[in-house]
C-alpha cells in the first residue's frame, strides 16, 4: 500500500461530518511538522482550521482543502460502511474519498517527497478547514480574514476539490461562478377562497414577477463563464386547507452568476422588480461568494504541464460547477487553480475514487511543487 493510499484511508476512517473535524487536522499536522512546517490552529466557534507554514521568504504557494464531509444518509443503502474505507476492484469506497480526503493525502505525501532532499526556494503552506461543506463562514473565509490582518499575501493556491469529469486531469477549475441566494417572504391577507375581495393572495401577486425573473435573459456569459442562471428551489404557502387564501408565501431562489454581474447589482435589479409590482415582501439575501477567475497564465500553465506529464491529458480550463473555498482566496490577488479527482460520485451513496488516481494526484502535486518552487 502506498503512503498516499494509506493516509487517505486513515482520513476517510475518521467520521468528520461538517463541521466536526474529529482529529483529521491533527493527523495532517503530525505529518507536516517533521518536514519543518509550523502548524497553527486558527479555529472559530465549532470549526477547526489549520494554517501550516514552511519558510519565511519568497512567493507563497498554498495547498487548500477541507476535512469535513457531507452526511452519509441511510448507511444501510451503502455497499460498504461509509467510514470504513474499502477497496473493491479498481476503486476505494468511503465518504470523503473523492471530496476530498484523497486530495489532502496526496498533497501531504507530495510535500514529503519534494522536501526529502531539498529546501524550497519559496514559501509553502496548507490551509485546511472543517467548514467547506457547511455554512462556510468560520472556515477558510475566517482564516483569510485573519491572514489579511497580518499582512499575509498568497501568490499561488492549489485547491484539491474534485475538478475532473471522466478521467483524472481532464478538467481544472480556473474560476467559479458567484452564488446568490434569497429567502423571499411575500405578504398578503388571509381569507376564504369564496370571498377573494376580502383577502389578498400573495401567491397570485408573486407568481407573475417570478415568471418574469425565470424568463429574464441575464447575460450571455463571456469567454470564461457560462450565462447567469436563476433557479427557484422552493415555494411554500398555505395552511393545508384548499379553501383558505394564505397570508404569506415563502420562496427560495438562487442565482449562479458570471463576472458580468455583482451580487449588489443583482439584488437591486430583483428587488426593483418586486417594488415596481407594489408587492409587500421581505427579502433575506445570502452571498456565498462573488465570481472569481484566474486570468494570469503562470499557475494554469504549470498545472496543465504537470497533469499532462502524469496522465497524458491536457486539462481543459473551466469555471463550471458549484462554489469552492477558492472564492475566499482569489479576491486577495492569488492565482487559484483547482485540480482533484473525478466528481461523479461526490455527495452520493457509495462515493469512491479510482485507486490509481490517488497516487497519480500526488505525483501531479509534486510536479507543481518542482515547477513553482
Protein backbone atom coordinates (compact mmCIF):
# COMPACT_ATOMS: atom_id res chain seq x y z
CA UNK A 1 0.00 0.00 0.00
CA UNK A 2 1.40 3.39 -1.00
CA UNK A 3 1.88 6.09 1.63
CA UNK A 4 -0.76 8.20 -0.10
CA UNK A 5 -3.38 5.44 -0.13
CA UNK A 6 -2.59 4.60 3.49
CA UNK A 7 -3.03 8.22 4.61
CA UNK A 8 -6.20 8.60 2.55
CA UNK A 9 -7.68 5.56 4.29
CA UNK A 10 -6.80 6.94 7.72
CA UNK A 11 -8.53 10.22 6.91
CA UNK A 12 -11.62 8.54 5.43
CA UNK A 13 -11.96 6.35 8.53
CA UNK A 14 -12.43 9.50 10.65
CA UNK A 15 -16.12 10.44 10.81
CA UNK A 16 -15.80 14.16 10.14
CA UNK A 17 -19.29 15.26 9.15
CA UNK A 18 -19.32 19.05 8.79
CA UNK A 19 -18.27 20.98 10.81
CA UNK A 20 -16.69 18.31 13.04
CA UNK A 21 -13.07 17.73 12.05
CA UNK A 22 -12.79 14.97 14.66
CA UNK A 23 -8.99 14.80 14.56
CA UNK A 24 -8.22 14.92 10.82
CA UNK A 25 -6.24 18.13 11.16
CA UNK A 26 -4.17 16.68 13.99
CA UNK A 27 -3.28 13.73 11.77
CA UNK A 28 -2.23 16.04 8.93
CA UNK A 29 -0.23 18.31 11.26
CA UNK A 30 1.61 15.26 12.62
CA UNK A 31 2.80 14.51 9.09
CA UNK A 32 3.75 18.10 8.26
CA UNK A 33 5.62 19.12 11.41
CA UNK A 34 8.56 16.71 10.88
CA UNK A 35 9.05 18.39 7.49
CA UNK A 36 9.60 21.73 9.18
CA UNK A 37 6.09 23.14 8.92
CA UNK A 38 4.88 25.33 11.76
CA UNK A 39 1.31 24.20 12.43
CA UNK A 40 -1.11 26.78 13.80
CA UNK A 41 -4.76 26.32 14.63
CA UNK A 42 -7.00 29.26 13.74
CA UNK A 43 -10.26 27.76 15.00
CA UNK A 44 -13.51 29.70 15.19
CA UNK A 45 -16.58 28.53 17.08
CA UNK A 46 -17.12 24.84 16.33
CA UNK A 47 -14.95 24.98 13.21
CA UNK A 48 -11.38 23.67 13.11
CA UNK A 49 -8.84 25.36 10.85
CA UNK A 50 -5.20 24.53 10.19
CA UNK A 51 -2.65 27.02 8.88
CA UNK A 52 0.72 25.28 8.48
CA UNK A 53 3.67 27.20 7.01
CA UNK A 54 7.19 26.44 5.83
CA UNK A 55 9.77 29.12 5.03
CA UNK A 56 9.85 32.86 5.56
CA UNK A 57 10.94 34.34 2.21
CA UNK A 58 9.79 34.29 -1.37
CA UNK A 59 6.41 33.74 -3.07
CA UNK A 60 3.83 31.72 -1.16
CA UNK A 61 2.19 28.58 -2.56
CA UNK A 62 -0.77 27.28 -0.57
CA UNK A 63 -2.43 23.88 -0.71
CA UNK A 64 -6.07 24.41 0.31
CA UNK A 65 -8.82 21.97 1.16
CA UNK A 66 -11.27 20.67 3.73
CA UNK A 67 -11.63 17.70 6.05
CA UNK A 68 -15.39 17.93 6.54
CA UNK A 69 -17.76 15.73 4.57
CA UNK A 70 -21.50 15.77 3.92
CA UNK A 71 -23.80 13.42 5.88
CA UNK A 72 -23.97 9.84 4.63
CA UNK A 73 -27.72 9.36 4.58
CA UNK A 74 -29.03 5.89 5.42
CA UNK A 75 -25.94 3.73 5.95
CA UNK A 76 -27.93 0.63 5.05
CA UNK A 77 -28.02 1.86 1.45
CA UNK A 78 -24.21 1.88 1.14
CA UNK A 79 -22.33 -1.07 -0.32
CA UNK A 80 -19.75 -0.69 2.46
CA UNK A 81 -19.76 1.30 5.73
CA UNK A 82 -19.03 4.90 4.62
CA UNK A 83 -16.33 5.48 7.23
CA UNK A 84 -14.65 2.12 6.70
CA UNK A 85 -12.53 2.70 3.58
CA UNK A 86 -12.91 -0.35 1.39
CA UNK A 87 -11.05 -1.40 -1.73
CA UNK A 88 -13.18 -3.13 -4.33
CA UNK A 89 -11.59 -3.78 -7.70
CA UNK A 90 -10.12 -0.55 -9.04
CA UNK A 91 -11.90 1.70 -6.54
CA UNK A 92 -11.63 2.90 -2.95
CA UNK A 93 -15.05 3.43 -1.38
CA UNK A 94 -15.84 5.77 1.51
CA UNK A 95 -17.35 9.13 2.37
CA UNK A 96 -14.76 11.76 1.52
CA UNK A 97 -12.74 9.51 -0.77
CA UNK A 98 -13.30 11.89 -3.70
CA UNK A 99 -14.35 15.02 -1.83
CA UNK A 100 -11.67 15.50 -0.72
CA UNK A 101 -9.61 13.43 1.70
CA UNK A 102 -7.64 11.65 -1.03
CA UNK A 103 -6.55 15.06 -2.30
CA UNK A 104 -5.37 16.04 1.18
CA UNK A 105 -3.39 12.81 1.49
CA UNK A 106 -1.86 13.40 -1.96
CA UNK A 107 -0.85 16.95 -1.01
CA UNK A 108 0.88 15.75 2.15
CA UNK A 109 2.82 12.90 0.53
CA UNK A 110 3.78 15.14 -2.41
CA UNK A 111 5.38 17.53 0.09
CA UNK A 112 7.08 14.68 1.91
CA UNK A 113 8.80 13.50 -1.27
CA UNK A 114 9.54 17.01 -2.52
CA UNK A 115 11.13 18.12 0.74
CA UNK A 116 13.08 14.92 1.35
CA UNK A 117 16.27 16.16 -0.35
CA UNK A 118 15.78 19.85 -0.99
CA UNK A 119 14.86 23.19 0.52
CA UNK A 120 12.23 25.13 -1.46
CA UNK A 121 13.19 28.48 -2.94
CA UNK A 122 9.89 29.96 -1.73
CA UNK A 123 7.30 29.55 1.00
CA UNK A 124 4.82 26.70 1.27
CA UNK A 125 1.63 26.44 3.34
CA UNK A 126 -1.51 24.40 3.98
CA UNK A 127 -4.89 26.00 4.65
CA UNK A 128 -7.36 23.30 5.67
CA UNK A 129 -10.80 23.78 7.21
CA UNK A 130 -13.71 21.73 8.52
CA UNK A 131 -16.30 24.24 7.27
CA UNK A 132 -16.44 23.92 3.49
CA UNK A 133 -19.48 21.66 3.23
CA UNK A 134 -21.43 23.64 5.83
CA UNK A 135 -22.01 27.36 6.33
CA UNK A 136 -18.50 28.26 5.10
CA UNK A 137 -18.38 31.24 7.43
CA UNK A 138 -15.89 30.25 10.13
CA UNK A 139 -13.59 28.21 7.91
CA UNK A 140 -11.49 29.49 5.02
CA UNK A 141 -13.40 32.78 5.00
CA UNK A 142 -12.44 33.37 8.64
CA UNK A 143 -8.83 32.27 8.20
CA UNK A 144 -8.37 34.58 5.23
CA UNK A 145 -9.71 37.49 7.28
CA UNK A 146 -7.06 36.78 9.93
CA UNK A 147 -4.27 36.39 7.36
CA UNK A 148 -5.20 39.66 5.70
CA UNK A 149 -4.98 41.41 9.08
CA UNK A 150 -1.47 40.00 9.43
CA UNK A 151 -0.49 41.28 6.00
CA UNK A 152 -0.04 37.76 4.63
CA UNK A 153 -0.14 37.51 0.85
CA UNK A 154 -0.83 34.27 -1.03
CA UNK A 155 0.67 34.17 -4.52
CA UNK A 156 -0.44 30.72 -5.73
CA UNK A 157 -3.13 28.40 -4.42
CA UNK A 158 -3.89 24.79 -5.37
CA UNK A 159 -7.33 23.65 -4.22
CA UNK A 160 -7.86 19.90 -4.12
CA UNK A 161 -11.56 19.93 -4.97
CA UNK A 162 -12.74 17.13 -7.31
CA UNK A 163 -12.40 19.03 -10.58
CA UNK A 164 -12.11 16.14 -13.04
CA UNK A 165 -15.06 14.78 -15.04
CA UNK A 166 -14.43 11.48 -16.80
CA UNK A 167 -10.70 10.96 -16.17
CA UNK A 168 -8.23 12.38 -13.68
CA UNK A 169 -6.92 15.66 -15.00
CA UNK A 170 -9.31 16.16 -17.91
CA UNK A 171 -10.58 19.38 -16.30
CA UNK A 172 -9.16 22.01 -13.97
CA UNK A 173 -11.12 24.87 -12.43
CA UNK A 174 -9.65 28.29 -13.02
CA UNK A 175 -12.58 30.18 -11.52
CA UNK A 176 -16.11 29.75 -10.23
CA UNK A 177 -19.43 31.47 -10.70
CA UNK A 178 -20.83 33.60 -7.91
CA UNK A 179 -23.69 32.25 -5.82
CA UNK A 180 -26.52 34.47 -4.54
CA UNK A 181 -29.46 33.03 -2.59
CA UNK A 182 -32.65 34.64 -1.33
CA UNK A 183 -35.42 33.63 1.03
CA UNK A 184 -38.32 35.83 -0.03
CA UNK A 185 -41.41 36.30 2.13
CA UNK A 186 -44.37 37.76 0.24
CA UNK A 187 -47.18 39.02 2.48
CA UNK A 188 -50.90 39.03 1.81
CA UNK A 189 -54.21 38.94 3.69
CA UNK A 190 -55.72 35.63 4.74
CA UNK A 191 -59.32 34.89 3.77
CA UNK A 192 -61.86 32.43 2.41
CA UNK A 193 -61.39 31.46 -1.26
CA UNK A 194 -65.10 32.19 -1.85
CA UNK A 195 -64.55 35.84 -0.86
CA UNK A 196 -61.29 36.83 -2.61
CA UNK A 197 -62.28 40.51 -2.49
CA UNK A 198 -61.86 40.36 1.28
CA UNK A 199 -58.37 38.86 1.06
CA UNK A 200 -55.12 39.42 -0.84
CA UNK A 201 -53.42 36.35 -2.31
CA UNK A 202 -49.61 36.64 -2.02
CA UNK A 203 -49.12 33.66 -4.35
CA UNK A 204 -51.03 35.36 -7.15
CA UNK A 205 -49.03 38.55 -6.61
CA UNK A 206 -45.65 36.82 -6.55
CA UNK A 207 -46.05 34.43 -9.48
CA UNK A 208 -46.06 36.98 -12.34
CA UNK A 209 -42.85 38.57 -11.05
CA UNK A 210 -41.24 35.19 -10.52
CA UNK A 211 -42.21 34.15 -14.04
CA UNK A 212 -40.56 37.27 -15.46
CA UNK A 213 -37.41 36.56 -13.47
CA UNK A 214 -37.24 32.96 -14.69
CA UNK A 215 -37.62 34.20 -18.28
CA UNK A 216 -35.08 37.02 -17.90
CA UNK A 217 -32.03 36.90 -20.14
CA UNK A 218 -29.46 37.94 -17.58
CA UNK A 219 -26.40 37.85 -19.83
CA UNK A 220 -24.63 35.81 -22.49
CA UNK A 221 -21.81 34.88 -20.20
CA UNK A 222 -18.35 35.55 -21.57
CA UNK A 223 -15.26 33.75 -22.76
CA UNK A 224 -14.67 32.25 -19.31
CA UNK A 225 -18.19 31.89 -17.90
CA UNK A 226 -21.49 30.39 -18.96
CA UNK A 227 -24.61 32.61 -18.77
CA UNK A 228 -26.10 33.53 -15.40
CA UNK A 229 -28.80 31.16 -14.15
CA UNK A 230 -31.87 31.96 -11.99
CA UNK A 231 -33.50 28.96 -10.31
CA UNK A 232 -36.42 28.69 -7.87
CA UNK A 233 -35.74 25.88 -5.42
CA UNK A 234 -38.75 26.04 -3.10
CA UNK A 235 -42.22 27.61 -2.76
CA UNK A 236 -44.14 27.18 0.47
CA UNK A 237 -47.52 28.70 1.21
CA UNK A 238 -50.96 27.84 2.54
CA UNK A 239 -52.32 26.41 5.75
CA UNK A 240 -53.09 22.92 4.48
CA UNK A 241 -56.70 23.63 3.52
CA UNK A 242 -57.88 24.14 -0.06
CA UNK A 243 -60.41 26.81 0.85
CA UNK A 244 -58.10 29.30 2.56
CA UNK A 245 -56.16 32.09 0.89
CA UNK A 246 -52.84 32.25 2.76
CA UNK A 247 -51.45 35.40 4.30
CA UNK A 248 -47.91 34.72 3.12
CA UNK A 249 -45.80 32.63 0.76
CA UNK A 250 -42.12 31.83 1.17
CA UNK A 251 -39.93 31.42 -1.91
CA UNK A 252 -36.30 30.28 -2.11
CA UNK A 253 -34.26 31.02 -5.21
CA UNK A 254 -30.62 31.12 -6.26
CA UNK A 255 -28.56 32.77 -8.96
CA UNK A 256 -25.25 31.37 -10.21
CA UNK A 257 -23.75 34.39 -11.90
CA UNK A 258 -20.81 35.28 -14.07
CA UNK A 259 -18.39 38.16 -13.88
CA UNK A 260 -20.89 40.17 -15.93
CA UNK A 261 -22.64 40.94 -12.61
CA UNK A 262 -22.03 41.63 -8.96
CA UNK A 263 -24.32 40.43 -6.20
CA UNK A 264 -25.22 44.02 -5.29
CA UNK A 265 -26.43 44.81 -8.80
CA UNK A 266 -28.44 41.60 -9.00
CA UNK A 267 -30.12 42.30 -5.65
CA UNK A 268 -31.01 45.81 -6.75
CA UNK A 269 -32.48 44.55 -10.03
CA UNK A 270 -34.59 41.81 -8.43
CA UNK A 271 -35.91 43.97 -5.61
CA UNK A 272 -36.78 46.65 -8.16
CA UNK A 273 -38.99 44.10 -9.96
CA UNK A 274 -40.95 43.38 -6.77
CA UNK A 275 -41.11 47.04 -5.79
CA UNK A 276 -42.47 48.02 -9.20
CA UNK A 277 -45.24 45.45 -8.80
CA UNK A 278 -46.26 47.00 -5.46
CA UNK A 279 -45.66 43.76 -3.58
CA UNK A 280 -45.33 43.67 0.20
CA UNK A 281 -42.31 41.48 0.89
CA UNK A 282 -39.23 40.80 2.99
CA UNK A 283 -36.01 39.58 1.36
CA UNK A 284 -33.20 37.77 3.15
CA UNK A 285 -30.13 37.54 0.95
CA UNK A 286 -27.04 35.37 1.30
CA UNK A 287 -23.96 35.82 -0.87
CA UNK A 288 -21.98 32.58 -0.82
CA UNK A 289 -19.32 34.21 -2.96
CA UNK A 290 -18.67 36.55 -5.83
CA UNK A 291 -17.39 35.06 -9.10
CA UNK A 292 -13.64 34.74 -9.45
CA UNK A 293 -11.34 33.96 -12.34
CA UNK A 294 -7.60 33.32 -12.61
CA UNK A 295 -6.56 35.16 -15.74
CA UNK A 296 -2.79 35.06 -15.21
CA UNK A 297 -1.37 32.09 -17.14
CA UNK A 298 1.56 31.10 -14.92
CA UNK A 299 -0.12 28.75 -12.44
CA UNK A 300 -2.56 27.42 -15.04
CA UNK A 301 0.32 26.50 -17.34
CA UNK A 302 2.25 24.82 -14.53
CA UNK A 303 -0.78 22.73 -13.56
CA UNK A 304 -1.55 21.78 -17.14
CA UNK A 305 2.03 20.70 -17.81
CA UNK A 306 2.15 18.70 -14.57
CA UNK A 307 -1.12 16.92 -15.32
CA UNK A 308 -0.05 16.10 -18.87
CA UNK A 309 3.26 14.63 -17.69
CA UNK A 310 1.47 12.25 -15.33
CA UNK A 311 -1.74 11.41 -17.22
CA UNK A 312 -1.02 12.31 -20.83
CA UNK A 313 -4.05 14.61 -20.83
CA UNK A 314 -4.03 18.38 -21.35
CA UNK A 315 -6.65 19.68 -18.88
CA UNK A 316 -9.48 21.86 -20.08
CA UNK A 317 -9.75 25.08 -18.03
CA UNK A 318 -13.29 25.53 -16.70
CA UNK A 319 -15.33 27.76 -14.40
CA UNK A 320 -18.27 25.36 -14.12
CA UNK A 321 -19.62 23.51 -11.12
CA UNK A 322 -20.63 24.83 -7.74
CA UNK A 323 -18.71 27.04 -5.36
CA UNK A 324 -15.43 26.30 -3.61
CA UNK A 325 -13.30 27.94 -0.95
CA UNK A 326 -11.22 29.42 -3.74
CA UNK A 327 -13.81 32.24 -3.68
CA UNK A 328 -12.33 33.46 -0.40
CA UNK A 329 -8.70 33.25 -1.55
CA UNK A 330 -8.81 34.61 -5.11
CA UNK A 331 -10.04 38.13 -4.14
CA UNK A 332 -6.71 38.72 -2.35
CA UNK A 333 -4.91 38.57 -5.68
CA UNK A 334 -3.81 34.94 -5.54
CA UNK A 335 -3.72 32.78 -8.65
CA UNK A 336 -6.12 29.91 -7.82
CA UNK A 337 -6.43 26.61 -9.67
CA UNK A 338 -8.45 23.58 -8.58
CA UNK A 339 -7.16 20.14 -9.53
CA UNK A 340 -8.52 16.98 -7.97
CA UNK A 341 -10.27 13.63 -8.56
CA UNK A 342 -13.31 12.80 -10.66
CA UNK A 343 -16.51 14.27 -9.24
CA UNK A 344 -19.11 11.76 -10.49
CA UNK A 345 -19.80 10.25 -7.04
CA UNK A 346 -19.28 13.18 -4.68
CA UNK A 347 -22.08 13.73 -2.12
CA UNK A 348 -23.67 10.46 -3.30
CA UNK A 349 -24.12 6.97 -1.92
CA UNK A 350 -21.04 4.81 -2.47
CA UNK A 351 -18.68 7.72 -3.03
CA UNK A 352 -15.45 6.37 -4.50
CA UNK A 353 -12.18 7.16 -6.22
CA UNK A 354 -10.08 5.11 -8.61
CA UNK A 355 -7.18 3.81 -6.51
CA UNK A 356 -4.58 4.50 -9.18
CA UNK A 357 -5.71 8.14 -9.31
CA UNK A 358 -4.72 8.70 -5.67
CA UNK A 359 -1.01 8.22 -6.33
CA UNK A 360 -1.19 10.00 -9.69
CA UNK A 361 -2.70 13.00 -7.94
CA UNK A 362 0.19 13.04 -5.51
CA UNK A 363 2.64 12.94 -8.43
CA UNK A 364 0.84 15.88 -10.06
CA UNK A 365 1.09 17.93 -6.86
CA UNK A 366 4.79 17.07 -6.55
CA UNK A 367 5.47 18.24 -10.10
CA UNK A 368 3.64 21.50 -9.37
CA UNK A 369 5.95 22.00 -6.41
CA UNK A 370 9.02 21.31 -8.53
CA UNK A 371 7.96 23.71 -11.25
CA UNK A 372 6.95 26.56 -8.94
CA UNK A 373 9.38 26.25 -6.03
